[in-house]
C-alpha atoms as a PDB file:
ATOM      1  CA  UNK A   1     -50.747  21.697 -24.419  1.00  0.00           C
ATOM      2  CA  UNK A   2     -49.245  18.114 -24.583  1.00  0.00           C
ATOM      3  CA  UNK A   3     -45.475  17.343 -24.030  1.00  0.00           C
ATOM      4  CA  UNK A   4     -43.855  16.366 -27.078  1.00  0.00           C
ATOM      5  CA  UNK A   5     -40.452  15.372 -25.298  1.00  0.00           C
ATOM      6  CA  UNK A   6     -39.888  11.848 -23.919  1.00  0.00           C
ATOM      7  CA  UNK A   7     -38.710  13.432 -20.684  1.00  0.00           C
ATOM      8  CA  UNK A   8     -41.702  12.088 -18.500  1.00  0.00           C
ATOM      9  CA  UNK A   9     -42.144   8.583 -20.273  1.00  0.00           C
ATOM     10  CA  UNK A  10     -41.659   5.700 -17.957  1.00  0.00           C
ATOM     11  CA  UNK A  11     -38.949   4.167 -20.350  1.00  0.00           C
ATOM     12  CA  UNK A  12     -37.092   7.296 -20.444  1.00  0.00           C
ATOM     13  CA  UNK A  13     -37.319   7.496 -16.463  1.00  0.00           C
ATOM     14  CA  UNK A  14     -36.218   3.670 -16.351  1.00  0.00           C
ATOM     15  CA  UNK A  15     -33.299   4.441 -18.672  1.00  0.00           C
ATOM     16  CA  UNK A  16     -32.062   7.533 -16.449  1.00  0.00           C
ATOM     17  CA  UNK A  17     -32.204   5.387 -13.546  1.00  0.00           C
ATOM     18  CA  UNK A  18     -30.343   2.580 -14.857  1.00  0.00           C
ATOM     19  CA  UNK A  19     -27.648   5.167 -15.977  1.00  0.00           C
ATOM     20  CA  UNK A  20     -27.430   6.659 -12.255  1.00  0.00           C
ATOM     21  CA  UNK A  21     -27.245   3.425 -10.756  1.00  0.00           C
ATOM     22  CA  UNK A  22     -24.562   2.182 -13.117  1.00  0.00           C
ATOM     23  CA  UNK A  23     -22.401   5.459 -12.623  1.00  0.00           C
ATOM     24  CA  UNK A  24     -22.769   5.013  -8.795  1.00  0.00           C
ATOM     25  CA  UNK A  25     -21.565   1.444  -9.122  1.00  0.00           C
ATOM     26  CA  UNK A  26     -18.583   2.522 -11.147  1.00  0.00           C
ATOM     27  CA  UNK A  27     -17.631   5.308  -8.462  1.00  0.00           C
ATOM     28  CA  UNK A  28     -18.029   2.764  -5.614  1.00  0.00           C
ATOM     29  CA  UNK A  29     -16.047  -0.123  -7.121  1.00  0.00           C
ATOM     30  CA  UNK A  30     -13.601  -1.185  -4.719  1.00  0.00           C
ATOM     31  CA  UNK A  31     -10.792  -1.793  -6.948  1.00  0.00           C
ATOM     32  CA  UNK A  32     -11.016   1.200  -9.295  1.00  0.00           C
ATOM     33  CA  UNK A  33      -8.291   3.698 -10.024  1.00  0.00           C
ATOM     34  CA  UNK A  34      -8.490   5.376  -6.685  1.00  0.00           C
ATOM     35  CA  UNK A  35      -9.650   2.201  -4.545  1.00  0.00           C
ATOM     36  CA  UNK A  36      -8.005  -0.782  -3.275  1.00  0.00           C
ATOM     37  CA  UNK A  37      -5.432  -2.836  -5.016  1.00  0.00           C
ATOM     38  CA  UNK A  38      -6.611  -6.406  -5.926  1.00  0.00           C
ATOM     39  CA  UNK A  39      -3.264  -7.655  -4.288  1.00  0.00           C
ATOM     40  CA  UNK A  40      -0.664  -5.965  -2.122  1.00  0.00           C
ATOM     41  CA  UNK A  41       2.835  -7.016  -1.924  1.00  0.00           C
ATOM     42  CA  UNK A  42       5.861  -5.342  -0.784  1.00  0.00           C
ATOM     43  CA  UNK A  43       8.506  -4.243  -3.548  1.00  0.00           C
ATOM     44  CA  UNK A  44      11.154  -7.144  -4.138  1.00  0.00           C
ATOM     45  CA  UNK A  45      13.903  -7.365  -6.851  1.00  0.00           C
ATOM     46  CA  UNK A  46      13.431  -5.041  -9.815  1.00  0.00           C
ATOM     47  CA  UNK A  47      10.226  -3.003  -8.422  1.00  0.00           C
ATOM     48  CA  UNK A  48      10.059   0.641  -6.896  1.00  0.00           C
ATOM     49  CA  UNK A  49       7.786   1.198  -3.889  1.00  0.00           C
ATOM     50  CA  UNK A  50       4.234   2.413  -4.758  1.00  0.00           C
ATOM     51  CA  UNK A  51       1.463   3.901  -3.007  1.00  0.00           C
ATOM     52  CA  UNK A  52       0.161   1.154  -0.109  1.00  0.00           C
ATOM     53  CA  UNK A  53      -2.741   2.365   1.886  1.00  0.00           C
ATOM     54  CA  UNK A  54      -3.070   2.117   5.638  1.00  0.00           C
ATOM     55  CA  UNK A  55      -5.805  -0.527   5.536  1.00  0.00           C
ATOM     56  CA  UNK A  56      -3.418  -2.856   3.706  1.00  0.00           C
ATOM     57  CA  UNK A  57      -0.714  -2.752   6.203  1.00  0.00           C
ATOM     58  CA  UNK A  58      -2.610  -3.078   9.434  1.00  0.00           C
ATOM     59  CA  UNK A  59      -5.810  -4.174  10.842  1.00  0.00           C
ATOM     60  CA  UNK A  60      -5.936  -1.121  13.294  1.00  0.00           C
ATOM     61  CA  UNK A  61      -4.303   1.431  10.919  1.00  0.00           C
ATOM     62  CA  UNK A  62      -6.303   4.546  12.576  1.00  0.00           C
ATOM     63  CA  UNK A  63      -4.864   3.637  16.042  1.00  0.00           C
ATOM     64  CA  UNK A  64      -1.244   3.223  14.443  1.00  0.00           C
ATOM     65  CA  UNK A  65      -1.489   6.557  12.695  1.00  0.00           C
ATOM     66  CA  UNK A  66      -2.966   8.193  15.814  1.00  0.00           C
ATOM     67  CA  UNK A  67       0.044   6.876  18.073  1.00  0.00           C
ATOM     68  CA  UNK A  68       2.628   8.076  15.219  1.00  0.00           C
ATOM     69  CA  UNK A  69       1.079  11.452  15.277  1.00  0.00           C
ATOM     70  CA  UNK A  70       0.818  11.516  18.781  1.00  0.00           C
ATOM     71  CA  UNK A  71      -3.044  12.348  18.748  1.00  0.00           C
ATOM     72  CA  UNK A  72      -4.283  12.117  22.406  1.00  0.00           C
ATOM     73  CA  UNK A  73      -0.974  11.858  24.013  1.00  0.00           C
ATOM     74  CA  UNK A  74      -1.382  15.116  25.979  1.00  0.00           C
ATOM     75  CA  UNK A  75      -4.974  14.089  27.185  1.00  0.00           C
ATOM     76  CA  UNK A  76      -4.709  14.579  30.557  1.00  0.00           C
ATOM     77  CA  UNK A  77      -8.573  13.616  31.402  1.00  0.00           C
ATOM     78  CA  UNK A  78      -8.450   9.911  29.807  1.00  0.00           C
ATOM     79  CA  UNK A  79      -4.982   8.736  29.536  1.00  0.00           C
ATOM     80  CA  UNK A  80      -4.146   6.236  26.374  1.00  0.00           C
ATOM     81  CA  UNK A  81      -4.422   2.750  27.083  1.00  0.00           C
ATOM     82  CA  UNK A  82      -1.886   0.047  25.935  1.00  0.00           C
ATOM     83  CA  UNK A  83      -1.934  -0.796  22.461  1.00  0.00           C
ATOM     84  CA  UNK A  84      -0.383  -3.267  20.056  1.00  0.00           C
ATOM     85  CA  UNK A  85      -0.283  -3.096  16.142  1.00  0.00           C
ATOM     86  CA  UNK A  86      -1.997  -5.803  14.448  1.00  0.00           C
ATOM     87  CA  UNK A  87       0.258  -5.812  11.173  1.00  0.00           C
ATOM     88  CA  UNK A  88      -0.574  -7.964   8.062  1.00  0.00           C
ATOM     89  CA  UNK A  89       2.179 -10.273   6.938  1.00  0.00           C
ATOM     90  CA  UNK A  90       2.843  -9.213   3.471  1.00  0.00           C
ATOM     91  CA  UNK A  91       4.996 -10.877   1.138  1.00  0.00           C
ATOM     92  CA  UNK A  92       7.399  -9.485  -1.381  1.00  0.00           C
ATOM     93  CA  UNK A  93       7.028  -9.581  -5.206  1.00  0.00           C
ATOM     94  CA  UNK A  94      10.254 -10.277  -7.077  1.00  0.00           C
ATOM     95  CA  UNK A  95      10.291  -9.421 -10.846  1.00  0.00           C
ATOM     96  CA  UNK A  96      13.615 -10.865 -11.482  1.00  0.00           C
ATOM     97  CA  UNK A  97      15.904 -13.171 -10.022  1.00  0.00           C
ATOM     98  CA  UNK A  98      18.852 -11.969  -8.263  1.00  0.00           C
ATOM     99  CA  UNK A  99      22.261 -13.381  -8.566  1.00  0.00           C
ATOM    100  CA  UNK A 100      24.055 -14.289  -5.631  1.00  0.00           C
ATOM    101  CA  UNK A 101      27.007 -12.291  -4.546  1.00  0.00           C
ATOM    102  CA  UNK A 102      30.261 -14.094  -4.216  1.00  0.00           C
ATOM    103  CA  UNK A 103      32.675 -12.707  -1.606  1.00  0.00           C
ATOM    104  CA  UNK A 104      36.215 -13.188  -1.771  1.00  0.00           C
ATOM    105  CA  UNK A 105      38.116 -14.954   1.413  1.00  0.00           C
ATOM    106  CA  UNK A 106      38.998 -12.390   3.882  1.00  0.00           C
ATOM    107  CA  UNK A 107      42.410 -10.679   3.470  1.00  0.00           C
ATOM    108  CA  UNK A 108      44.939 -12.905   5.374  1.00  0.00           C
ATOM    109  CA  UNK A 109      48.265 -10.579   6.150  1.00  0.00           C
ATOM    110  CA  UNK A 110      51.354 -13.130   5.990  1.00  0.00           C
ATOM    111  CA  UNK A 111      53.827 -11.848   8.700  1.00  0.00           C
ATOM    112  CA  UNK A 112      56.816 -13.828   7.180  1.00  0.00           C
ATOM    113  CA  UNK A 113      56.843 -11.790   4.100  1.00  0.00           C
ATOM    114  CA  UNK A 114      58.448  -8.342   3.275  1.00  0.00           C
ATOM    115  CA  UNK A 115      56.181  -5.311   2.965  1.00  0.00           C
ATOM    116  CA  UNK A 116      57.768  -3.923  -0.133  1.00  0.00           C
ATOM    117  CA  UNK A 117      59.300  -6.025  -2.775  1.00  0.00           C
ATOM    118  CA  UNK A 118      62.574  -4.001  -3.074  1.00  0.00           C
ATOM    119  CA  UNK A 119      63.237  -4.297   0.652  1.00  0.00           C
END
């Protein structure tokens, strides 16, 4: 008996393969919703801190995190080597201009005046 469905045709196979490849590309897109941001900035005036991945803060983020959590600190067989963090230089992003603060002159107490006006 012959198959009446289009499941085994070359055109249907190519369409399914294209759909799988497109879905894979959407999932693996670097700047997707769960991926890496297009631009990483520290919060400036008018912004709140958001999520920043460790790979956006330092070149050796795994080593930094291991040192912060103390991983390998009690290993007596292989002692930890010297380590320096290689941090990225991240600029801050300002949304609004901050007005400069005007400070009054320091309070100068005059010694030749009475402390109370009725004395």
